[in-house]
Amino acid sequence: METRYLVLLTAMAASLTGQCATIAFSGSGASGTINPDSLPWLLIPNDSTTALYCGPGTINRCDISVWGVPGLGAVEATWEDASASAVAFTITFTNLPSGVTIDQTADPDKSSFDDYTRFIDLDDNVVWTPSYSGGNTVTFTGPGDQLSFGTDFFLNIAFTGGNIETADFAGSWTAVSAPEPGTMALTGLVLLGATVLARRGSLG
């Protein structure tokens, strides 16, 4: 009987914790906003046209198109969704010119300003890992990391094989819902009950 209650309490605790949700977005053009909370994005068609991006002291390759949130050179964006924390980001670009693909070159210096494909949680100084598919899709994940409310971050996606003036894309954030304070307290009570039952079972 106690084993049955232990399983039930453990399942209840799992159901009370944050659950994954998908936040979809799409866009086109050279700038705009995406979900959630109108995060700004910007496409730089050719970073060699701006001294800030390709001046002395940078490690940029230059003559690169870069799509980013908030955009190359715009420093940072802030995760403003108080109801959920992001744990992954996926984007697919469509209608790319022939030969143009997402640049998969490894970032040589993750602490520097550059025009490589990358996603960085600035508050925790965590570099998210990219994985690529089909030349036009990239997914970033931060193992053990998440963008919670108020977290500053940026992401850049560079292209190779030519420059692009506009971008068509669709994608999604994978987010974990943030439990309400009352839910957290209830979860604690449920876990406490499970612990008590487990101890009684080990002693008896």
Foldseek 3Di string as FASTA:
>chain_A
DLVVLLVVLVVVLVVLFWDKDKQKWWDKAAWWATDDPGFIKGKDQWQQVDCVAVNPPAPEPTRWIKIKTNYQPPAKTADADQFWWFFKKKKFWPPDPPQKFWDPDDDPDPVGRYQHWWKAFVVVRFTWDWDDDPRGMIMTGTVVDIRHHGTIMMGMIIMDRHTDRMITMMIITIIITHRDPVSVVVSVVSVVVSVVSVVVVVVD
